[in-house]
Amino acid sequence: MNRTSGFIDLAVTPGIEGRQPVPEKYGWHNWIAGFTNGFSVLDVGAGCSTLKGDLLAWGASKVTTQDPCDWCHTDVHTDVLELAENGIFADVVTSADVLEHIVDYGRWARALVKLASRLVIIITPGGGGSLSAHVYHYHEFVPDEVVQLFEAAGARLHAIRFFKGDTSMEAVGEEARRLAAKEIAVHPLGFVFQV
């Protein structure tokens, strides 16, 4: 469900509130690093993230951070929609805890797919928790919605990871698709799409 009232759009809101690094309690940086070793990475919507240092330490060949806010300590401040006009930017595009903040998420997903030559990796809190009650979240997704969104953008689901309670669930290939279609109330969610 899209949030229709009380939404605070971080794309036009200055300050750190809503952009803080997410605690690493679920091990997402390590999971992402398993797909980025030896590859160049564009981290979209990096804000105050600590992902860059971790990916470089774990073997990524290069990590470029992007966030449209000019006060963020990122490498690129150009909007991803503008970056995508120039085509491929990196082997792998990552975006952790950003999708739920995007109003035109279909256009945004197409831009990420266009920026990657190999993979797009998405982490999002999922719709099993607050049902878009968070003021900075425009839409919180269930797994199948994310799969449909990125497949409509031209990518193909490769892997999925999420937590149901404290239990981690992971799958690749067709099993990932079946799991995404079956599970609804899970949190948080991780996806790897091939482009």
Protein backbone atom coordinates (compact mmCIF):
# COMPACT_ATOMS: atom_id res chain seq x y z
CA MET A 1 0.00 0.00 0.00
CA ASN A 2 1.34 3.44 -0.91
CA ARG A 3 1.41 6.01 1.86
CA THR A 4 -1.01 8.80 0.98
CA SER A 5 -0.66 11.14 3.96
CA GLY A 6 2.11 12.18 6.32
CA PHE A 7 4.90 10.96 4.00
CA ILE A 8 8.22 12.83 4.34
CA ASP A 9 10.20 12.57 1.10
CA LEU A 10 13.93 12.24 1.83
CA ALA A 11 14.70 13.24 -1.76
CA VAL A 12 13.78 16.82 -0.83
CA THR A 13 14.36 16.78 2.96
CA PRO A 14 17.77 17.85 4.32
CA GLY A 15 19.33 16.38 7.44
CA ILE A 16 20.43 13.02 8.75
CA GLU A 17 17.02 11.93 10.08
CA GLY A 18 15.81 8.96 8.04
CA ARG A 19 19.26 8.36 6.50
CA GLN A 20 21.11 6.78 9.41
CA PRO A 21 23.00 3.55 8.81
CA VAL A 22 20.91 0.50 9.55
CA PRO A 23 22.28 -1.71 12.33
CA GLU A 24 24.12 -4.74 10.95
CA LYS A 25 22.20 -7.20 13.14
CA TYR A 26 21.00 -9.27 10.16
CA GLY A 27 24.41 -9.57 8.46
CA TRP A 28 23.36 -7.87 5.21
CA HIS A 29 26.79 -6.39 4.40
CA ASN A 30 28.39 -9.82 4.51
CA TRP A 31 25.58 -11.29 2.37
CA ILE A 32 25.98 -8.53 -0.24
CA ALA A 33 29.77 -8.99 -0.23
CA GLY A 34 29.28 -12.60 -1.30
CA PHE A 35 28.05 -11.30 -4.67
CA THR A 36 30.47 -8.36 -5.13
CA ASN A 37 33.94 -9.92 -4.71
CA GLY A 38 36.14 -8.73 -7.59
CA PHE A 39 33.44 -6.47 -9.06
CA SER A 40 32.89 -2.74 -9.23
CA VAL A 41 29.89 -1.56 -7.19
CA LEU A 42 27.60 1.46 -7.27
CA ASP A 43 25.85 1.85 -3.90
CA VAL A 44 22.66 3.81 -4.62
CA GLY A 45 21.14 5.98 -1.91
CA ALA A 46 24.17 5.44 0.32
CA GLY A 47 23.37 8.38 2.64
CA CYS A 48 25.26 7.68 5.88
CA SER A 49 25.90 4.03 5.02
CA THR A 50 28.94 2.04 6.09
CA LEU A 51 28.53 -0.48 3.25
CA LYS A 52 31.38 0.94 1.12
CA GLY A 53 34.13 0.18 3.64
CA ASP A 54 32.82 -3.32 4.26
CA LEU A 55 32.56 -4.22 0.56
CA LEU A 56 36.07 -2.94 -0.15
CA ALA A 57 37.44 -4.87 2.83
CA TRP A 58 35.69 -8.03 1.60
CA GLY A 59 36.96 -7.90 -1.97
CA ALA A 60 34.97 -5.51 -4.18
CA SER A 61 37.34 -3.99 -6.77
CA LYS A 62 35.81 -0.50 -6.47
CA VAL A 63 32.82 0.99 -4.64
CA THR A 64 31.22 4.27 -5.64
CA THR A 65 28.57 5.74 -3.35
CA GLN A 66 25.62 7.77 -4.63
CA ASP A 67 23.01 9.90 -2.89
CA PRO A 68 21.27 12.94 -4.36
CA CYS A 69 21.68 15.01 -1.18
CA ASP A 70 24.63 17.38 -1.54
CA TRP A 71 25.52 17.30 2.15
CA CYS A 72 25.90 13.47 2.24
CA HIS A 73 29.48 12.19 2.22
CA THR A 74 29.07 10.24 -1.01
CA ASP A 75 31.13 10.09 -4.19
CA VAL A 76 28.29 11.03 -6.57
CA HIS A 77 25.38 13.41 -5.92
CA THR A 78 23.73 13.01 -9.31
CA ASP A 79 20.26 11.43 -9.21
CA VAL A 80 20.23 7.78 -10.39
CA LEU A 81 17.66 8.66 -13.06
CA GLU A 82 20.20 11.05 -14.60
CA LEU A 83 23.06 8.55 -14.16
CA ALA A 84 21.01 5.91 -15.98
CA GLU A 85 20.72 8.13 -19.06
CA ASN A 86 24.43 7.44 -19.61
CA GLY A 87 24.07 3.66 -19.29
CA ILE A 88 26.13 1.12 -17.34
CA PHE A 89 27.98 2.48 -14.34
CA ALA A 90 29.17 -0.63 -12.44
CA ASP A 91 29.18 -4.41 -12.48
CA VAL A 92 26.89 -4.53 -9.46
CA VAL A 93 24.38 -1.95 -8.20
CA THR A 94 23.43 -2.19 -4.54
CA SER A 95 20.73 -0.31 -2.68
CA ALA A 96 20.09 -0.98 0.98
CA ASP A 97 17.02 0.42 2.71
CA VAL A 98 16.16 2.84 -0.10
CA LEU A 99 13.37 1.24 -2.17
CA GLU A 100 10.74 1.90 0.51
CA HIS A 101 11.48 5.66 0.29
CA ILE A 102 11.00 5.97 -3.49
CA VAL A 103 7.77 7.45 -4.88
CA ASP A 104 8.26 6.47 -8.55
CA TYR A 105 9.71 3.06 -7.73
CA GLY A 106 9.05 1.60 -11.21
CA ARG A 107 11.19 4.25 -12.88
CA TRP A 108 13.81 3.94 -10.15
CA ALA A 109 14.02 0.14 -10.58
CA ARG A 110 14.50 0.55 -14.35
CA ALA A 111 17.34 3.03 -13.68
CA LEU A 112 19.14 0.60 -11.36
CA VAL A 113 18.87 -2.21 -13.90
CA LYS A 114 20.27 0.08 -16.59
CA LEU A 115 23.22 1.08 -14.36
CA ALA A 116 24.37 -2.51 -13.72
CA SER A 117 26.18 -4.87 -16.09
CA ARG A 118 25.75 -7.99 -13.90
CA LEU A 119 23.61 -7.73 -10.75
CA VAL A 120 21.26 -5.48 -8.80
CA ILE A 121 21.07 -6.17 -5.05
CA ILE A 122 18.18 -4.74 -3.06
CA ILE A 123 17.63 -4.75 0.70
CA THR A 124 14.32 -3.41 2.04
CA PRO A 125 12.52 -3.73 5.36
CA GLY A 126 9.52 -5.47 3.82
CA GLY A 127 5.80 -4.99 4.28
CA GLY A 128 5.31 -7.53 7.02
CA GLY A 129 6.04 -5.02 9.74
CA SER A 130 4.59 -1.54 9.82
CA LEU A 131 2.43 -1.53 6.65
CA SER A 132 3.88 1.85 5.62
CA ALA A 133 3.34 3.45 9.02
CA HIS A 134 6.92 4.83 8.99
CA VAL A 135 6.75 8.49 7.89
CA TYR A 136 9.78 8.19 5.58
CA HIS A 137 8.44 5.06 3.83
CA TYR A 138 6.29 5.62 0.77
CA HIS A 139 5.64 1.92 0.24
CA GLU A 140 6.72 -1.23 2.04
CA PHE A 141 6.93 -4.28 -0.20
CA VAL A 142 6.13 -7.95 0.18
CA PRO A 143 8.62 -10.26 -1.59
CA ASP A 144 6.58 -10.94 -4.73
CA GLU A 145 6.07 -7.19 -5.32
CA VAL A 146 9.84 -6.63 -5.41
CA VAL A 147 10.30 -9.54 -7.83
CA GLN A 148 7.56 -8.23 -10.13
CA LEU A 149 8.97 -4.69 -9.95
CA PHE A 150 12.49 -5.65 -11.01
CA GLU A 151 11.44 -8.25 -13.55
CA ALA A 152 9.25 -5.60 -15.18
CA ALA A 153 12.42 -3.46 -15.28
CA GLY A 154 14.22 -6.19 -17.25
CA ALA A 155 16.06 -8.14 -14.52
CA ARG A 156 15.66 -11.77 -13.43
CA LEU A 157 15.51 -12.96 -9.82
CA HIS A 158 18.63 -14.90 -8.85
CA ALA A 159 18.49 -15.11 -5.05
CA ILE A 160 16.35 -14.09 -2.10
CA ARG A 161 17.03 -13.82 1.62
CA PHE A 162 14.72 -12.76 4.42
CA PHE A 163 13.87 -13.34 8.02
CA LYS A 164 10.71 -14.85 9.41
CA GLY A 165 11.00 -14.07 13.10
CA ASP A 166 14.63 -14.83 13.91
CA THR A 167 14.96 -17.50 11.23
CA SER A 168 16.85 -16.68 8.03
CA MET A 169 15.45 -18.12 4.80
CA GLU A 170 17.45 -18.15 1.56
CA ALA A 171 16.95 -19.58 -1.91
CA VAL A 172 18.32 -19.24 -5.45
CA GLY A 173 16.85 -19.71 -8.92
CA GLU A 174 13.34 -21.11 -9.26
CA GLU A 175 13.21 -21.91 -5.55
CA ALA A 176 13.75 -18.18 -4.86
CA ARG A 177 10.75 -17.36 -7.07
CA ARG A 178 8.55 -19.93 -5.29
CA LEU A 179 9.61 -18.62 -1.89
CA ALA A 180 8.95 -14.99 -2.91
CA ALA A 181 5.45 -15.88 -4.11
CA LYS A 182 4.65 -17.89 -0.98
CA GLU A 183 5.91 -15.68 1.87
CA ILE A 184 4.15 -12.43 2.75
CA ALA A 185 4.74 -11.22 6.33
CA VAL A 186 8.54 -11.31 6.40
CA HIS A 187 11.10 -8.70 7.40
CA PRO A 188 13.71 -7.63 6.25
CA LEU A 189 14.11 -8.66 2.61
CA GLY A 190 17.16 -9.11 0.35
CA PHE A 191 17.14 -9.77 -3.39
CA VAL A 192 19.76 -10.39 -6.06
CA PHE A 193 18.66 -9.79 -9.64
CA GLN A 194 20.63 -10.66 -12.78
CA VAL A 195 20.59 -8.11 -15.57
